[in-house]
N, C-alpha and C. Protein backbone atom coordinates (compact mmCIF):
# COMPACT_ATOMS: atom_id res chain seq x y z
N UNK A 1 -54.30 -34.68 -8.18
CA UNK A 1 -52.89 -34.02 -8.52
C UNK A 1 -52.15 -33.88 -7.29
N UNK A 2 -51.08 -34.58 -7.58
CA UNK A 2 -49.95 -34.43 -6.33
C UNK A 2 -49.10 -33.36 -6.43
N UNK A 3 -48.80 -32.68 -5.40
CA UNK A 3 -47.93 -31.55 -5.37
C UNK A 3 -46.77 -31.70 -4.49
N UNK A 4 -45.66 -31.82 -5.06
CA UNK A 4 -44.45 -31.85 -4.06
C UNK A 4 -44.28 -30.57 -3.25
N UNK A 5 -44.30 -30.55 -2.01
CA UNK A 5 -44.13 -29.58 -1.06
C UNK A 5 -42.82 -29.31 -0.46
N UNK A 6 -42.22 -28.26 -0.50
CA UNK A 6 -41.07 -27.97 0.28
C UNK A 6 -41.17 -26.94 1.22
N UNK A 7 -41.50 -27.60 2.38
CA UNK A 7 -42.02 -26.92 3.39
C UNK A 7 -40.88 -25.98 3.87
N UNK A 8 -39.56 -26.27 3.87
CA UNK A 8 -38.55 -25.23 4.19
C UNK A 8 -38.45 -24.09 3.33
N UNK A 9 -38.53 -24.23 2.11
CA UNK A 9 -38.57 -23.27 0.95
C UNK A 9 -39.98 -22.33 1.22
N UNK A 10 -41.04 -22.85 1.70
CA UNK A 10 -42.09 -22.08 1.77
C UNK A 10 -42.02 -21.29 3.13
N UNK A 11 -41.40 -21.89 4.13
CA UNK A 11 -41.23 -21.07 5.37
C UNK A 11 -40.12 -19.88 5.10
N UNK A 12 -39.15 -20.25 4.34
CA UNK A 12 -38.14 -19.22 4.01
C UNK A 12 -38.72 -18.01 3.39
N UNK A 13 -39.40 -18.27 2.39
CA UNK A 13 -40.03 -17.32 1.54
C UNK A 13 -41.09 -16.35 2.47
N UNK A 14 -41.86 -17.03 3.13
CA UNK A 14 -43.00 -16.53 4.00
C UNK A 14 -42.35 -15.69 5.05
N UNK A 15 -41.21 -15.98 5.44
CA UNK A 15 -40.58 -15.22 6.71
C UNK A 15 -39.83 -14.08 6.18
N UNK A 16 -39.36 -13.94 4.86
CA UNK A 16 -38.74 -12.66 4.37
C UNK A 16 -39.67 -11.38 4.66
N UNK A 17 -38.95 -10.40 5.07
CA UNK A 17 -39.61 -9.05 5.29
C UNK A 17 -40.67 -8.55 4.21
N UNK A 18 -40.35 -8.65 3.05
CA UNK A 18 -41.40 -8.26 2.08
C UNK A 18 -42.44 -9.09 2.03
N UNK A 19 -42.41 -10.31 2.20
CA UNK A 19 -43.60 -11.26 2.36
C UNK A 19 -44.43 -10.87 3.57
N UNK A 20 -43.59 -10.71 4.67
CA UNK A 20 -44.56 -10.31 5.87
C UNK A 20 -45.17 -8.91 5.78
N UNK A 21 -44.56 -8.07 5.02
CA UNK A 21 -45.22 -6.60 4.67
C UNK A 21 -46.24 -6.81 4.03
N UNK A 22 -46.26 -7.75 3.01
CA UNK A 22 -47.37 -7.93 2.15
C UNK A 22 -48.61 -8.63 2.85
N UNK A 23 -48.24 -9.51 3.41
CA UNK A 23 -49.18 -10.32 4.33
C UNK A 23 -49.89 -9.51 5.22
N UNK A 24 -49.27 -8.57 5.87
CA UNK A 24 -49.83 -7.54 7.11
C UNK A 24 -50.33 -6.42 6.27
N UNK A 25 -50.56 -6.17 4.96
CA UNK A 25 -50.83 -4.91 4.44
C UNK A 25 -52.44 -5.01 4.30
N UNK A 26 -53.09 -3.82 3.81
CA UNK A 26 -54.35 -3.68 3.70
C UNK A 26 -54.85 -4.19 2.43
N UNK A 27 -53.82 -4.73 1.43
CA UNK A 27 -54.07 -5.05 0.16
C UNK A 27 -54.98 -6.37 0.08
N UNK A 28 -55.88 -6.27 -0.71
CA UNK A 28 -56.59 -7.62 -0.66
C UNK A 28 -56.02 -8.64 -1.27
N UNK A 29 -56.13 -9.94 -1.10
CA UNK A 29 -55.53 -10.96 -1.86
C UNK A 29 -56.43 -11.21 -3.18
N UNK A 30 -55.82 -11.64 -4.29
CA UNK A 30 -56.64 -12.00 -5.34
C UNK A 30 -56.50 -13.46 -5.60
N UNK A 31 -57.58 -14.15 -5.48
CA UNK A 31 -57.73 -15.44 -5.62
C UNK A 31 -58.20 -16.12 -7.03
N UNK A 32 -57.35 -16.85 -7.66
CA UNK A 32 -57.81 -17.37 -8.94
C UNK A 32 -58.05 -18.89 -8.77
N UNK A 33 -59.26 -19.28 -9.50
CA UNK A 33 -59.69 -20.54 -9.44
C UNK A 33 -60.51 -20.96 -10.57
N UNK A 34 -60.98 -22.29 -10.86
CA UNK A 34 -61.65 -22.54 -12.02
C UNK A 34 -63.09 -22.68 -11.72
N UNK A 35 -63.80 -22.07 -12.46
CA UNK A 35 -65.28 -22.20 -12.12
C UNK A 35 -65.88 -23.49 -12.60
N UNK A 36 -67.06 -23.62 -11.99
CA UNK A 36 -67.82 -24.82 -12.70
C UNK A 36 -67.85 -25.19 -14.21
N UNK A 37 -68.13 -23.99 -14.84
CA UNK A 37 -68.13 -24.11 -16.29
C UNK A 37 -66.84 -24.18 -16.95
N UNK A 38 -65.61 -24.23 -16.06
CA UNK A 38 -64.18 -24.60 -16.72
C UNK A 38 -63.50 -23.25 -16.92
N UNK A 39 -64.16 -22.10 -16.88
CA UNK A 39 -63.39 -20.83 -17.30
C UNK A 39 -62.74 -20.27 -15.81
N UNK A 40 -61.57 -19.62 -16.12
CA UNK A 40 -60.92 -19.03 -15.24
C UNK A 40 -61.59 -18.05 -14.46
N UNK A 41 -61.42 -17.91 -12.97
CA UNK A 41 -61.93 -16.79 -12.41
C UNK A 41 -60.96 -16.17 -11.41
N UNK A 42 -60.82 -14.70 -11.16
CA UNK A 42 -60.19 -14.27 -10.10
C UNK A 42 -60.96 -13.15 -9.51
N UNK A 43 -60.69 -13.31 -8.25
CA UNK A 43 -61.50 -12.40 -7.12
C UNK A 43 -60.79 -11.78 -6.16
N UNK A 44 -60.85 -10.42 -5.96
CA UNK A 44 -60.34 -9.88 -4.68
C UNK A 44 -61.08 -10.41 -3.40
N UNK A 45 -60.20 -10.80 -2.48
CA UNK A 45 -60.74 -11.02 -1.14
C UNK A 45 -60.08 -10.43 0.01
N UNK A 46 -61.02 -10.28 1.09
CA UNK A 46 -60.21 -10.00 2.47
C UNK A 46 -59.83 -11.34 2.80
N UNK A 47 -58.43 -11.47 3.53
CA UNK A 47 -58.16 -12.70 4.04
C UNK A 47 -57.51 -12.49 5.41
N UNK A 48 -57.30 -13.49 6.08
CA UNK A 48 -56.55 -13.47 7.30
C UNK A 48 -55.42 -14.55 7.15
N UNK A 49 -54.13 -14.20 7.47
CA UNK A 49 -53.06 -15.17 7.53
C UNK A 49 -52.94 -15.64 8.92
N UNK A 50 -53.16 -17.12 9.12
CA UNK A 50 -53.04 -17.47 10.43
C UNK A 50 -51.65 -18.07 10.81
N UNK A 51 -50.71 -17.71 10.12
CA UNK A 51 -49.24 -18.16 10.42
C UNK A 51 -49.13 -19.25 9.35
N UNK A 52 -49.74 -20.02 8.94
CA UNK A 52 -49.63 -21.17 8.03
C UNK A 52 -50.57 -21.24 6.81
N UNK A 53 -51.52 -20.40 6.78
CA UNK A 53 -52.56 -20.47 5.66
C UNK A 53 -53.08 -19.20 5.58
N UNK A 54 -53.76 -19.02 4.27
CA UNK A 54 -54.74 -18.04 3.93
C UNK A 54 -56.03 -18.44 4.19
N UNK A 55 -56.71 -17.56 5.14
CA UNK A 55 -58.11 -17.80 5.40
C UNK A 55 -59.06 -16.92 4.93
N UNK A 56 -60.08 -17.05 4.37
CA UNK A 56 -61.05 -16.24 3.65
C UNK A 56 -62.57 -16.73 3.94
N UNK A 57 -63.36 -15.97 3.91
CA UNK A 57 -64.75 -16.56 4.14
C UNK A 57 -65.87 -16.10 2.92
N UNK A 58 -66.91 -16.66 2.89
CA UNK A 58 -67.75 -16.35 1.79
C UNK A 58 -69.11 -17.03 2.04
N UNK A 59 -70.05 -16.61 1.36
CA UNK A 59 -71.42 -17.11 1.45
C UNK A 59 -71.44 -18.58 1.04
N UNK A 60 -72.07 -19.42 1.92
CA UNK A 60 -72.06 -20.88 1.52
C UNK A 60 -72.47 -21.23 0.15
N UNK A 61 -73.31 -20.58 -0.33
CA UNK A 61 -74.22 -20.71 -1.74
C UNK A 61 -73.23 -19.96 -2.86
N UNK A 62 -72.17 -19.49 -2.69
CA UNK A 62 -71.60 -18.62 -3.74
C UNK A 62 -70.88 -19.62 -4.80
N UNK A 63 -70.86 -19.07 -5.85
CA UNK A 63 -70.27 -19.74 -7.02
C UNK A 63 -68.69 -20.25 -6.61
N UNK A 64 -68.17 -19.36 -5.98
CA UNK A 64 -66.63 -19.70 -5.62
C UNK A 64 -66.57 -20.90 -4.89
N UNK A 65 -67.54 -21.09 -3.72
CA UNK A 65 -67.47 -22.14 -2.76
C UNK A 65 -67.83 -23.41 -3.70
N UNK A 66 -68.82 -23.39 -4.45
CA UNK A 66 -69.31 -24.56 -5.27
C UNK A 66 -68.03 -24.99 -6.09
N UNK A 67 -67.12 -23.93 -6.61
CA UNK A 67 -66.29 -24.18 -7.57
C UNK A 67 -65.03 -24.94 -6.89
N UNK A 68 -64.71 -24.36 -5.74
CA UNK A 68 -63.76 -24.81 -4.80
C UNK A 68 -63.94 -26.45 -4.34
N UNK A 69 -65.09 -26.69 -4.15
CA UNK A 69 -65.39 -27.89 -3.65
C UNK A 69 -65.35 -28.87 -4.84
N UNK A 70 -65.52 -28.52 -6.03
CA UNK A 70 -65.32 -29.55 -7.30
C UNK A 70 -63.94 -29.38 -7.71
N UNK A 71 -63.05 -28.23 -7.50
CA UNK A 71 -61.58 -28.20 -7.86
C UNK A 71 -61.11 -27.32 -6.88
N UNK A 72 -60.46 -27.81 -5.85
CA UNK A 72 -59.76 -27.04 -4.83
C UNK A 72 -58.64 -26.17 -5.20
N UNK A 73 -57.84 -26.34 -6.26
CA UNK A 73 -56.69 -25.83 -6.40
C UNK A 73 -56.81 -24.22 -6.80
N UNK A 74 -56.04 -23.51 -6.20
CA UNK A 74 -56.05 -22.10 -6.29
C UNK A 74 -54.75 -21.40 -6.49
N UNK A 75 -54.75 -20.16 -7.02
CA UNK A 75 -53.58 -19.50 -6.92
C UNK A 75 -53.88 -18.07 -6.36
N UNK A 76 -53.05 -17.47 -5.53
CA UNK A 76 -53.33 -16.24 -4.81
C UNK A 76 -52.17 -15.29 -5.03
N UNK A 77 -52.37 -14.13 -5.33
CA UNK A 77 -51.39 -13.02 -5.33
C UNK A 77 -51.80 -11.94 -4.39
N UNK A 78 -50.90 -11.41 -3.64
CA UNK A 78 -50.87 -10.25 -2.81
C UNK A 78 -49.74 -9.38 -3.18
N UNK A 79 -50.04 -8.15 -3.93
CA UNK A 79 -49.12 -7.35 -4.57
C UNK A 79 -49.14 -5.97 -4.18
N UNK A 80 -48.09 -5.33 -4.40
CA UNK A 80 -48.06 -3.87 -3.88
C UNK A 80 -48.23 -2.97 -5.30
N UNK A 81 -48.54 -1.55 -4.98
CA UNK A 81 -48.93 -0.78 -6.00
C UNK A 81 -47.70 0.02 -6.32
N UNK A 82 -46.85 0.65 -5.37
CA UNK A 82 -45.74 1.51 -5.72
C UNK A 82 -44.56 0.69 -6.33
N UNK A 83 -43.94 1.51 -7.09
CA UNK A 83 -42.70 0.87 -7.73
C UNK A 83 -41.46 0.96 -6.72
N UNK A 84 -40.59 -0.12 -6.69
CA UNK A 84 -40.77 -1.26 -7.57
C UNK A 84 -41.81 -2.09 -7.03
N UNK A 85 -42.51 -2.92 -7.90
CA UNK A 85 -43.58 -3.74 -7.43
C UNK A 85 -43.03 -4.88 -6.60
N UNK A 86 -44.02 -5.35 -5.48
CA UNK A 86 -43.60 -6.55 -4.97
C UNK A 86 -44.66 -7.41 -4.98
N UNK A 87 -44.49 -8.79 -5.19
CA UNK A 87 -45.64 -9.71 -5.37
C UNK A 87 -45.39 -11.01 -4.48
N UNK A 88 -46.26 -11.46 -3.75
CA UNK A 88 -46.28 -12.60 -3.13
C UNK A 88 -47.22 -13.66 -3.83
N UNK A 89 -46.84 -14.75 -4.43
CA UNK A 89 -47.49 -15.58 -5.12
C UNK A 89 -47.45 -16.77 -4.48
N UNK A 90 -48.80 -17.46 -4.20
CA UNK A 90 -48.96 -18.66 -3.63
C UNK A 90 -49.93 -19.49 -4.28
N UNK A 91 -49.73 -20.85 -4.44
CA UNK A 91 -50.60 -21.91 -4.71
C UNK A 91 -50.90 -22.85 -3.69
N UNK A 92 -52.19 -23.40 -3.64
CA UNK A 92 -52.45 -24.38 -2.77
C UNK A 92 -53.87 -25.11 -3.04
N UNK A 93 -54.20 -25.99 -2.24
CA UNK A 93 -55.67 -26.57 -2.30
C UNK A 93 -56.39 -25.94 -1.13
N UNK A 94 -57.67 -25.66 -1.67
CA UNK A 94 -58.65 -24.90 -0.50
C UNK A 94 -59.22 -26.04 0.06
N UNK A 95 -59.49 -25.71 1.20
CA UNK A 95 -60.58 -26.67 2.10
C UNK A 95 -61.73 -25.78 2.36
N UNK A 96 -63.02 -26.10 2.49
CA UNK A 96 -64.16 -25.39 2.67
C UNK A 96 -64.90 -26.07 3.87
N UNK A 97 -65.20 -25.16 4.90
CA UNK A 97 -65.93 -25.69 6.03
C UNK A 97 -67.12 -24.66 6.28
N UNK A 98 -68.29 -25.16 6.49
CA UNK A 98 -69.57 -24.38 6.67
C UNK A 98 -69.71 -24.28 8.18
N UNK A 99 -69.70 -22.93 8.57
CA UNK A 99 -69.98 -22.69 10.00
C UNK A 99 -71.31 -21.96 10.14
N UNK A 100 -71.73 -21.95 11.54
CA UNK A 100 -72.84 -21.13 11.66
C UNK A 100 -72.40 -19.75 12.22
N UNK A 101 -73.19 -18.91 11.82
CA UNK A 101 -73.09 -17.37 12.27
C UNK A 101 -71.80 -16.84 11.49
N UNK A 102 -71.29 -15.85 12.10
CA UNK A 102 -70.23 -15.08 11.41
C UNK A 102 -68.94 -15.39 12.17
N UNK A 103 -68.04 -16.04 11.52
CA UNK A 103 -66.80 -16.46 12.22
C UNK A 103 -65.94 -15.26 12.61
N UNK A 104 -65.15 -15.45 13.57
CA UNK A 104 -64.12 -14.40 14.10
C UNK A 104 -62.99 -14.20 12.81
N UNK A 105 -62.66 -15.14 12.31
CA UNK A 105 -61.70 -15.08 11.12
C UNK A 105 -62.21 -14.06 10.10
N UNK A 106 -63.54 -14.01 9.89
CA UNK A 106 -64.17 -13.14 8.77
C UNK A 106 -64.02 -11.80 9.39
N UNK A 107 -64.18 -11.66 10.55
CA UNK A 107 -64.02 -10.07 11.22
C UNK A 107 -62.70 -9.67 11.25
N UNK A 108 -61.73 -10.61 11.62
CA UNK A 108 -60.14 -10.21 11.33
C UNK A 108 -59.95 -9.86 10.18
N UNK A 109 -60.34 -10.74 8.98
CA UNK A 109 -60.08 -10.34 7.63
C UNK A 109 -60.65 -8.95 7.32
N UNK A 110 -61.73 -8.61 7.58
CA UNK A 110 -62.46 -7.44 7.20
C UNK A 110 -61.86 -6.27 7.91
N UNK A 111 -61.48 -6.57 9.12
CA UNK A 111 -61.15 -5.35 10.08
C UNK A 111 -60.03 -4.36 9.51
N UNK A 112 -58.98 -5.13 8.72
CA UNK A 112 -57.91 -4.48 8.14
C UNK A 112 -58.30 -3.58 7.24
N UNK A 113 -59.37 -3.70 6.41
CA UNK A 113 -59.86 -2.95 5.41
C UNK A 113 -61.12 -2.05 5.45
N UNK A 114 -61.77 -2.36 6.53
CA UNK A 114 -62.91 -1.50 6.71
C UNK A 114 -62.52 -0.39 7.74
N UNK A 115 -62.92 0.96 7.12
CA UNK A 115 -62.65 2.07 7.89
C UNK A 115 -63.55 2.06 9.12
N UNK A 116 -62.92 2.77 10.14
CA UNK A 116 -63.56 2.74 11.55
C UNK A 116 -64.84 3.33 11.46
N UNK A 117 -65.21 4.43 10.82
CA UNK A 117 -66.42 4.83 10.73
C UNK A 117 -67.69 4.06 10.14
N UNK A 118 -67.38 2.93 9.58
CA UNK A 118 -68.25 2.11 9.00
C UNK A 118 -68.34 0.81 9.94
N UNK A 119 -67.40 0.57 10.58
CA UNK A 119 -67.20 -0.80 11.19
C UNK A 119 -68.34 -1.25 12.09
N UNK A 120 -68.61 -0.52 13.13
CA UNK A 120 -69.87 -0.79 14.24
C UNK A 120 -71.13 -1.19 13.22
N UNK A 121 -71.55 -0.34 12.25
CA UNK A 121 -72.87 -0.44 11.55
C UNK A 121 -72.75 -1.77 10.73
N UNK A 122 -71.51 -1.94 10.15
CA UNK A 122 -71.37 -3.10 9.15
C UNK A 122 -71.13 -4.48 9.91
N UNK A 123 -70.72 -4.39 11.15
CA UNK A 123 -70.56 -5.67 11.90
C UNK A 123 -72.17 -5.94 12.42
N UNK A 124 -72.74 -4.97 12.80
CA UNK A 124 -74.19 -5.06 13.41
C UNK A 124 -75.05 -5.70 12.54
N UNK A 125 -74.86 -5.53 11.08
CA UNK A 125 -75.86 -6.05 10.14
C UNK A 125 -75.42 -7.43 9.74
N UNK A 126 -74.20 -7.89 9.94
CA UNK A 126 -73.81 -9.21 9.63
C UNK A 126 -74.54 -10.46 10.02
N UNK A 127 -75.19 -10.40 11.24
CA UNK A 127 -75.88 -11.56 11.67
C UNK A 127 -77.22 -11.65 10.81
N UNK A 128 -77.81 -10.73 10.34
CA UNK A 128 -79.01 -10.80 9.56
C UNK A 128 -78.77 -11.33 8.11
N UNK A 129 -77.58 -11.02 7.49
CA UNK A 129 -77.08 -11.41 6.47
C UNK A 129 -76.59 -12.81 6.38
N UNK A 130 -75.86 -13.27 7.25
CA UNK A 130 -75.21 -14.42 7.30
C UNK A 130 -75.55 -15.41 8.53
N UNK A 131 -76.47 -16.44 8.23
CA UNK A 131 -76.74 -17.56 9.32
C UNK A 131 -75.72 -18.52 9.22
N UNK A 132 -75.03 -18.56 8.21
CA UNK A 132 -73.67 -19.43 8.01
C UNK A 132 -72.83 -18.76 7.00
N UNK A 133 -71.61 -19.51 7.14
CA UNK A 133 -70.57 -18.66 6.39
C UNK A 133 -69.57 -19.83 6.01
N UNK A 134 -69.06 -19.89 4.85
CA UNK A 134 -68.04 -20.94 4.49
C UNK A 134 -66.62 -20.43 4.72
N UNK A 135 -66.00 -21.05 5.56
CA UNK A 135 -64.45 -20.75 5.96
C UNK A 135 -63.67 -21.40 4.96
N UNK A 136 -62.88 -20.74 4.12
CA UNK A 136 -62.11 -21.29 3.25
C UNK A 136 -60.56 -21.07 3.65
N UNK A 137 -59.71 -22.34 3.61
CA UNK A 137 -58.51 -22.23 4.12
C UNK A 137 -57.45 -22.64 2.90
N UNK A 138 -56.51 -22.05 2.80
CA UNK A 138 -55.58 -22.44 1.77
C UNK A 138 -54.32 -22.51 2.44
N UNK A 139 -53.65 -23.70 2.56
CA UNK A 139 -52.24 -23.98 3.03
C UNK A 139 -51.35 -23.93 1.90
N UNK A 140 -50.35 -22.99 1.65
CA UNK A 140 -49.53 -22.99 0.50
C UNK A 140 -48.69 -24.24 0.26
N UNK A 141 -48.71 -24.78 -1.06
CA UNK A 141 -47.67 -25.81 -1.33
C UNK A 141 -46.63 -25.40 -2.29
N UNK A 142 -46.87 -23.94 -2.58
CA UNK A 142 -45.72 -23.37 -3.42
C UNK A 142 -45.77 -21.97 -3.29
N UNK A 143 -44.66 -21.17 -3.16
CA UNK A 143 -44.75 -19.77 -2.89
C UNK A 143 -43.68 -19.19 -3.74
N UNK A 144 -43.63 -17.94 -3.96
CA UNK A 144 -42.76 -17.21 -4.69
C UNK A 144 -42.78 -15.62 -4.40
N UNK A 145 -41.70 -14.98 -4.03
CA UNK A 145 -41.67 -13.62 -3.71
C UNK A 145 -41.04 -12.91 -4.85
N UNK A 146 -41.48 -12.01 -5.33
CA UNK A 146 -40.73 -11.19 -6.58
C UNK A 146 -40.78 -9.75 -5.99
N UNK A 147 -39.56 -9.11 -5.73
CA UNK A 147 -39.38 -7.90 -5.30
C UNK A 147 -38.62 -6.88 -6.12
N UNK A 148 -38.03 -7.36 -7.23
CA UNK A 148 -37.23 -6.61 -8.11
C UNK A 148 -36.16 -5.79 -7.30
N UNK A 149 -35.65 -6.51 -6.31
CA UNK A 149 -34.51 -6.16 -5.69
C UNK A 149 -33.63 -7.28 -5.60
N UNK A 150 -34.24 -8.44 -5.25
CA UNK A 150 -33.53 -9.77 -5.26
C UNK A 150 -33.87 -10.65 -6.28
N UNK A 151 -34.88 -10.39 -6.76
CA UNK A 151 -35.31 -11.10 -7.99
C UNK A 151 -36.32 -10.63 -8.75
N UNK A 152 -36.50 -11.02 -10.02
CA UNK A 152 -37.57 -10.48 -10.88
C UNK A 152 -38.28 -11.66 -11.62
N UNK A 153 -39.31 -11.61 -12.42
CA UNK A 153 -39.72 -12.63 -13.08
C UNK A 153 -38.71 -13.05 -14.11
N UNK A 154 -38.37 -14.44 -14.36
CA UNK A 154 -37.32 -14.80 -15.18
C UNK A 154 -37.21 -14.14 -16.70
N UNK A 155 -38.32 -13.95 -17.24
CA UNK A 155 -38.33 -13.47 -18.54
C UNK A 155 -37.82 -11.78 -18.43
N UNK A 156 -38.12 -11.06 -17.41
CA UNK A 156 -37.46 -9.67 -17.36
C UNK A 156 -35.91 -9.88 -16.94
N UNK A 157 -35.51 -10.82 -16.14
CA UNK A 157 -34.08 -11.04 -16.02
C UNK A 157 -33.43 -11.29 -17.23
N UNK A 158 -33.88 -12.24 -18.07
CA UNK A 158 -33.31 -12.56 -19.15
C UNK A 158 -32.98 -11.25 -20.25
N UNK A 159 -34.28 -10.47 -20.28
CA UNK A 159 -34.29 -9.30 -21.13
C UNK A 159 -33.25 -8.19 -20.66
N UNK A 160 -33.20 -8.30 -19.21
CA UNK A 160 -32.33 -7.16 -18.74
C UNK A 160 -30.80 -7.43 -19.13
N UNK A 161 -30.26 -8.98 -19.17
CA UNK A 161 -29.29 -9.26 -19.62
C UNK A 161 -28.65 -8.86 -21.01
N UNK A 162 -29.75 -8.93 -21.75
CA UNK A 162 -29.70 -8.39 -23.10
C UNK A 162 -29.77 -6.98 -23.62
N UNK A 163 -30.32 -6.21 -22.57
CA UNK A 163 -30.58 -4.90 -22.94
C UNK A 163 -29.46 -3.90 -22.52
N UNK A 164 -29.44 -2.59 -23.12
CA UNK A 164 -28.43 -1.84 -22.72
C UNK A 164 -28.51 -1.55 -21.30
N UNK A 165 -27.42 -1.59 -20.42
CA UNK A 165 -27.62 -1.34 -18.99
C UNK A 165 -28.12 -0.08 -18.50
N UNK A 166 -28.11 1.06 -19.19
CA UNK A 166 -28.79 2.27 -18.93
C UNK A 166 -30.38 2.15 -18.95
N UNK A 167 -30.89 1.25 -19.89
CA UNK A 167 -32.20 1.28 -19.96
C UNK A 167 -32.77 0.21 -18.83
N UNK A 168 -32.06 -0.51 -18.36
CA UNK A 168 -32.57 -1.53 -17.23
C UNK A 168 -31.94 -1.41 -16.03
N UNK A 169 -31.50 -0.29 -15.51
CA UNK A 169 -31.00 0.13 -14.38
C UNK A 169 -31.57 -0.59 -13.14
N UNK A 170 -32.85 -0.57 -13.16
CA UNK A 170 -33.58 -1.10 -12.00
C UNK A 170 -33.55 -2.52 -11.84
N UNK A 171 -33.05 -3.28 -12.95
CA UNK A 171 -32.85 -4.68 -12.74
C UNK A 171 -31.39 -5.01 -12.74
N UNK A 172 -30.58 -4.08 -12.90
CA UNK A 172 -29.13 -4.33 -12.85
C UNK A 172 -28.52 -5.10 -11.57
N UNK A 173 -28.98 -4.66 -10.31
CA UNK A 173 -28.54 -5.44 -9.27
C UNK A 173 -28.61 -6.87 -9.25
N UNK A 174 -29.94 -7.15 -9.72
CA UNK A 174 -30.33 -8.42 -9.74
C UNK A 174 -29.49 -9.33 -10.76
N UNK A 175 -29.36 -8.65 -12.10
CA UNK A 175 -28.54 -9.47 -12.90
C UNK A 175 -26.91 -9.66 -12.65
N UNK A 176 -26.53 -8.50 -11.98
CA UNK A 176 -25.03 -8.54 -11.56
C UNK A 176 -25.04 -9.78 -10.32
N UNK A 177 -25.91 -9.76 -9.56
CA UNK A 177 -25.85 -10.53 -8.39
C UNK A 177 -25.83 -12.09 -9.03
N UNK A 178 -26.76 -12.34 -9.89
CA UNK A 178 -26.75 -13.88 -10.45
C UNK A 178 -25.68 -13.99 -11.11
N UNK A 179 -25.07 -13.10 -11.96
CA UNK A 179 -23.84 -13.37 -12.69
C UNK A 179 -22.76 -13.78 -11.86
N UNK A 180 -22.58 -13.28 -10.54
CA UNK A 180 -21.57 -13.59 -9.57
C UNK A 180 -21.79 -14.89 -8.95
N UNK A 181 -22.87 -15.58 -8.99
CA UNK A 181 -23.15 -16.75 -8.33
C UNK A 181 -22.77 -18.11 -9.29
């Protein structure tokens, strides 16, 4: 599958404040992929953003690694809980590299979410658990940021245009801005 990549658009979206806020947050990424049996899967993962790619790690013999080797296309979301919701959506192809030991990128990814009181004991046990790890790197070839201030999913924007304004006040600025364009 060939994917047309608009690197300027990707760079623009990923440099926006809400995108940066989501990337830097403690929120796990949710990675969707196709399992070897053809069924869809989605898993929450710790990740590290290296400035151009989402990097995550896994056990080399995990089902996720086997599936990504067979079909590397993934979709990733990093989203917020409070209202209005903010969603960073990414798509790309995953590359998998098996490395010896516990890579630093795994520790960087885990550090954001692991409480201080558990960190030392957890890190101390990793070498016994992982003699090798799979480093999974996804360089986005498509991105979208939905923040409900500057944009919303198209279906909601269309509904807001048709609804009574008082019922859709949270989308009104978006609809007004698009009507002026």
